[in-house]
């Protein structure tokens, strides 16, 4: 992050703090929604790719925002987004109705849409 400049380094530290519940977690999470994928755009404030950003959202308990970020990725890189449906690391996102709706638009087959979601989710 340091090579991307002081603002990128500040964001990195804020993201690490957010993982510990420190700082304005919601503001940092929302800032990431608008940033370009760090692997596709070297000018982005974050070096993280979309998959890593989804993991970060999951780690802070914001699967809803992970689904929102995923929606953009699905528009930009549909074949990449489709492959995420089969990755067990994203299984928790299958509990999010929006995530499943996006997978349906990508023609993901029904057995891969289902997930064992906790009761009350």
C-alpha atoms as a PDB file:
ATOM      1  CA  UNK A   1       0.000   0.000   0.000  1.00  0.00           C
ATOM      2  CA  UNK A   2       2.862   2.376   0.761  1.00  0.00           C
ATOM      3  CA  UNK A   3       3.968   2.423  -2.874  1.00  0.00           C
ATOM      4  CA  UNK A   4       0.496   3.729  -3.805  1.00  0.00           C
ATOM      5  CA  UNK A   5       0.957   6.820  -1.664  1.00  0.00           C
ATOM      6  CA  UNK A   6       0.108   8.137   1.793  1.00  0.00           C
ATOM      7  CA  UNK A   7      -3.675   7.995   1.284  1.00  0.00           C
ATOM      8  CA  UNK A   8      -3.422   4.319   0.303  1.00  0.00           C
ATOM      9  CA  UNK A   9      -1.328   3.616   3.373  1.00  0.00           C
ATOM     10  CA  UNK A  10      -3.888   5.411   5.557  1.00  0.00           C
ATOM     11  CA  UNK A  11      -6.651   3.281   4.023  1.00  0.00           C
ATOM     12  CA  UNK A  12      -4.646   0.114   4.642  1.00  0.00           C
ATOM     13  CA  UNK A  13      -4.206   0.968   8.325  1.00  0.00           C
ATOM     14  CA  UNK A  14      -7.886   1.885   8.613  1.00  0.00           C
ATOM     15  CA  UNK A  15      -8.834  -1.479   7.083  1.00  0.00           C
ATOM     16  CA  UNK A  16      -6.626  -3.320   9.569  1.00  0.00           C
ATOM     17  CA  UNK A  17      -8.150  -1.338  12.446  1.00  0.00           C
ATOM     18  CA  UNK A  18     -11.636  -2.102  11.128  1.00  0.00           C
ATOM     19  CA  UNK A  19     -10.897  -5.815  11.364  1.00  0.00           C
ATOM     20  CA  UNK A  20     -10.450  -5.205  15.101  1.00  0.00           C
ATOM     21  CA  UNK A  21     -13.649  -3.149  15.256  1.00  0.00           C
ATOM     22  CA  UNK A  22     -11.753   0.127  15.608  1.00  0.00           C
ATOM     23  CA  UNK A  23     -12.499   3.364  13.785  1.00  0.00           C
ATOM     24  CA  UNK A  24     -15.393   4.096  11.467  1.00  0.00           C
ATOM     25  CA  UNK A  25     -15.771   0.613  10.012  1.00  0.00           C
ATOM     26  CA  UNK A  26     -18.823   1.559   7.954  1.00  0.00           C
ATOM     27  CA  UNK A  27     -17.086   4.532   6.320  1.00  0.00           C
ATOM     28  CA  UNK A  28     -14.073   2.413   5.351  1.00  0.00           C
ATOM     29  CA  UNK A  29     -16.337  -0.347   4.041  1.00  0.00           C
ATOM     30  CA  UNK A  30     -18.289   2.120   1.919  1.00  0.00           C
ATOM     31  CA  UNK A  31     -15.090   3.708   0.595  1.00  0.00           C
ATOM     32  CA  UNK A  32     -13.978   0.307  -0.705  1.00  0.00           C
ATOM     33  CA  UNK A  33     -17.229  -0.064  -2.656  1.00  0.00           C
ATOM     34  CA  UNK A  34     -16.217   2.739  -4.981  1.00  0.00           C
ATOM     35  CA  UNK A  35     -12.545   1.880  -5.457  1.00  0.00           C
ATOM     36  CA  UNK A  36     -11.317   0.095  -8.563  1.00  0.00           C
ATOM     37  CA  UNK A  37      -9.927  -3.421  -8.260  1.00  0.00           C
ATOM     38  CA  UNK A  38      -6.328  -2.976  -7.133  1.00  0.00           C
ATOM     39  CA  UNK A  39      -5.002  -5.748  -9.356  1.00  0.00           C
ATOM     40  CA  UNK A  40      -6.617  -4.389 -12.507  1.00  0.00           C
ATOM     41  CA  UNK A  41      -5.915  -0.724 -11.733  1.00  0.00           C
ATOM     42  CA  UNK A  42      -2.497   0.088 -10.270  1.00  0.00           C
ATOM     43  CA  UNK A  43      -3.754   3.596  -9.486  1.00  0.00           C
ATOM     44  CA  UNK A  44      -6.369   2.317  -7.045  1.00  0.00           C
ATOM     45  CA  UNK A  45      -5.924   3.230  -3.390  1.00  0.00           C
ATOM     46  CA  UNK A  46      -6.092  -0.451  -2.505  1.00  0.00           C
ATOM     47  CA  UNK A  47      -3.831  -3.202  -3.824  1.00  0.00           C
ATOM     48  CA  UNK A  48      -6.596  -5.734  -3.091  1.00  0.00           C
ATOM     49  CA  UNK A  49      -8.410  -7.489  -5.883  1.00  0.00           C
ATOM     50  CA  UNK A  50     -12.161  -7.995  -5.759  1.00  0.00           C
ATOM     51  CA  UNK A  51     -11.892 -11.458  -4.217  1.00  0.00           C
ATOM     52  CA  UNK A  52      -9.735 -10.146  -1.389  1.00  0.00           C
ATOM     53  CA  UNK A  53     -12.117  -7.246  -0.841  1.00  0.00           C
ATOM     54  CA  UNK A  54     -15.005  -9.724  -0.574  1.00  0.00           C
ATOM     55  CA  UNK A  55     -13.049 -11.631   2.084  1.00  0.00           C
ATOM     56  CA  UNK A  56     -12.438  -8.370   3.956  1.00  0.00           C
ATOM     57  CA  UNK A  57     -16.156  -7.575   3.906  1.00  0.00           C
ATOM     58  CA  UNK A  58     -16.919 -11.066   5.167  1.00  0.00           C
ATOM     59  CA  UNK A  59     -14.350 -10.653   7.964  1.00  0.00           C
ATOM     60  CA  UNK A  60     -16.032  -7.466   9.219  1.00  0.00           C
ATOM     61  CA  UNK A  61     -19.464  -9.093   8.998  1.00  0.00           C
ATOM     62  CA  UNK A  62     -20.701  -7.093   6.006  1.00  0.00           C
ATOM     63  CA  UNK A  63     -21.777  -9.778   3.569  1.00  0.00           C
ATOM     64  CA  UNK A  64     -24.364  -7.320   2.272  1.00  0.00           C
ATOM     65  CA  UNK A  65     -21.599  -4.998   1.078  1.00  0.00           C
ATOM     66  CA  UNK A  66     -19.655  -7.960  -0.283  1.00  0.00           C
ATOM     67  CA  UNK A  67     -22.699  -8.721  -2.424  1.00  0.00           C
ATOM     68  CA  UNK A  68     -22.863  -5.104  -3.547  1.00  0.00           C
ATOM     69  CA  UNK A  69     -19.187  -5.146  -4.531  1.00  0.00           C
ATOM     70  CA  UNK A  70     -19.702  -8.501  -6.248  1.00  0.00           C
ATOM     71  CA  UNK A  71     -22.490  -6.992  -8.374  1.00  0.00           C
ATOM     72  CA  UNK A  72     -20.038  -4.528  -9.898  1.00  0.00           C
ATOM     73  CA  UNK A  73     -17.451  -7.233 -10.481  1.00  0.00           C
ATOM     74  CA  UNK A  74     -20.083  -9.400 -12.189  1.00  0.00           C
ATOM     75  CA  UNK A  75     -20.815  -6.565 -14.622  1.00  0.00           C
ATOM     76  CA  UNK A  76     -17.118  -5.995 -15.374  1.00  0.00           C
ATOM     77  CA  UNK A  77     -15.781  -9.567 -15.336  1.00  0.00           C
ATOM     78  CA  UNK A  78     -18.740 -11.959 -15.561  1.00  0.00           C
ATOM     79  CA  UNK A  79     -16.641 -15.065 -16.226  1.00  0.00           C
ATOM     80  CA  UNK A  80     -14.536 -14.329 -13.129  1.00  0.00           C
ATOM     81  CA  UNK A  81     -17.626 -13.675 -11.037  1.00  0.00           C
ATOM     82  CA  UNK A  82     -19.219 -16.898 -12.227  1.00  0.00           C
ATOM     83  CA  UNK A  83     -16.229 -18.926 -11.084  1.00  0.00           C
ATOM     84  CA  UNK A  84     -16.665 -17.562  -7.555  1.00  0.00           C
ATOM     85  CA  UNK A  85     -19.952 -19.472  -7.292  1.00  0.00           C
ATOM     86  CA  UNK A  86     -17.954 -22.684  -7.136  1.00  0.00           C
ATOM     87  CA  UNK A  87     -15.349 -21.495  -4.621  1.00  0.00           C
ATOM     88  CA  UNK A  88     -16.177 -22.753  -1.108  1.00  0.00           C
ATOM     89  CA  UNK A  89     -14.386 -19.758   0.421  1.00  0.00           C
ATOM     90  CA  UNK A  90     -17.371 -17.635  -0.620  1.00  0.00           C
ATOM     91  CA  UNK A  91     -19.994 -20.084   0.703  1.00  0.00           C
ATOM     92  CA  UNK A  92     -21.253 -17.633   3.345  1.00  0.00           C
ATOM     93  CA  UNK A  93     -22.224 -15.203   0.589  1.00  0.00           C
ATOM     94  CA  UNK A  94     -24.675 -17.760  -0.773  1.00  0.00           C
ATOM     95  CA  UNK A  95     -26.867 -16.809   2.226  1.00  0.00           C
ATOM     96  CA  UNK A  96     -27.247 -13.313   0.770  1.00  0.00           C
ATOM     97  CA  UNK A  97     -30.263 -13.072  -1.564  1.00  0.00           C
ATOM     98  CA  UNK A  98     -28.576 -10.437  -3.736  1.00  0.00           C
ATOM     99  CA  UNK A  99     -25.486 -12.597  -4.220  1.00  0.00           C
ATOM    100  CA  UNK A 100     -27.647 -15.555  -5.271  1.00  0.00           C
ATOM    101  CA  UNK A 101     -29.672 -13.342  -7.625  1.00  0.00           C
ATOM    102  CA  UNK A 102     -26.456 -12.210  -9.316  1.00  0.00           C
ATOM    103  CA  UNK A 103     -25.312 -15.827  -9.659  1.00  0.00           C
ATOM    104  CA  UNK A 104     -28.627 -16.653 -11.338  1.00  0.00           C
ATOM    105  CA  UNK A 105     -28.036 -13.912 -13.921  1.00  0.00           C
ATOM    106  CA  UNK A 106     -24.657 -15.545 -14.587  1.00  0.00           C
ATOM    107  CA  UNK A 107     -26.429 -18.863 -15.304  1.00  0.00           C
ATOM    108  CA  UNK A 108     -25.011 -20.683 -12.290  1.00  0.00           C
ATOM    109  CA  UNK A 109     -26.837 -23.989 -11.873  1.00  0.00           C
ATOM    110  CA  UNK A 110     -29.177 -24.486  -8.923  1.00  0.00           C
ATOM    111  CA  UNK A 111     -27.060 -26.987  -6.918  1.00  0.00           C
ATOM    112  CA  UNK A 112     -24.319 -24.362  -6.701  1.00  0.00           C
ATOM    113  CA  UNK A 113     -26.707 -21.659  -5.506  1.00  0.00           C
ATOM    114  CA  UNK A 114     -27.733 -23.502  -2.341  1.00  0.00           C
ATOM    115  CA  UNK A 115     -25.912 -22.967   0.915  1.00  0.00           C
ATOM    116  CA  UNK A 116     -26.377 -24.156   4.451  1.00  0.00           C
ATOM    117  CA  UNK A 117     -27.264 -20.817   6.020  1.00  0.00           C
ATOM    118  CA  UNK A 118     -27.640 -20.340   9.771  1.00  0.00           C
ATOM    119  CA  UNK A 119     -31.223 -20.213  10.998  1.00  0.00           C
ATOM    120  CA  UNK A 120     -32.646 -16.730  11.068  1.00  0.00           C
ATOM    121  CA  UNK A 121     -30.417 -15.442   8.305  1.00  0.00           C
END
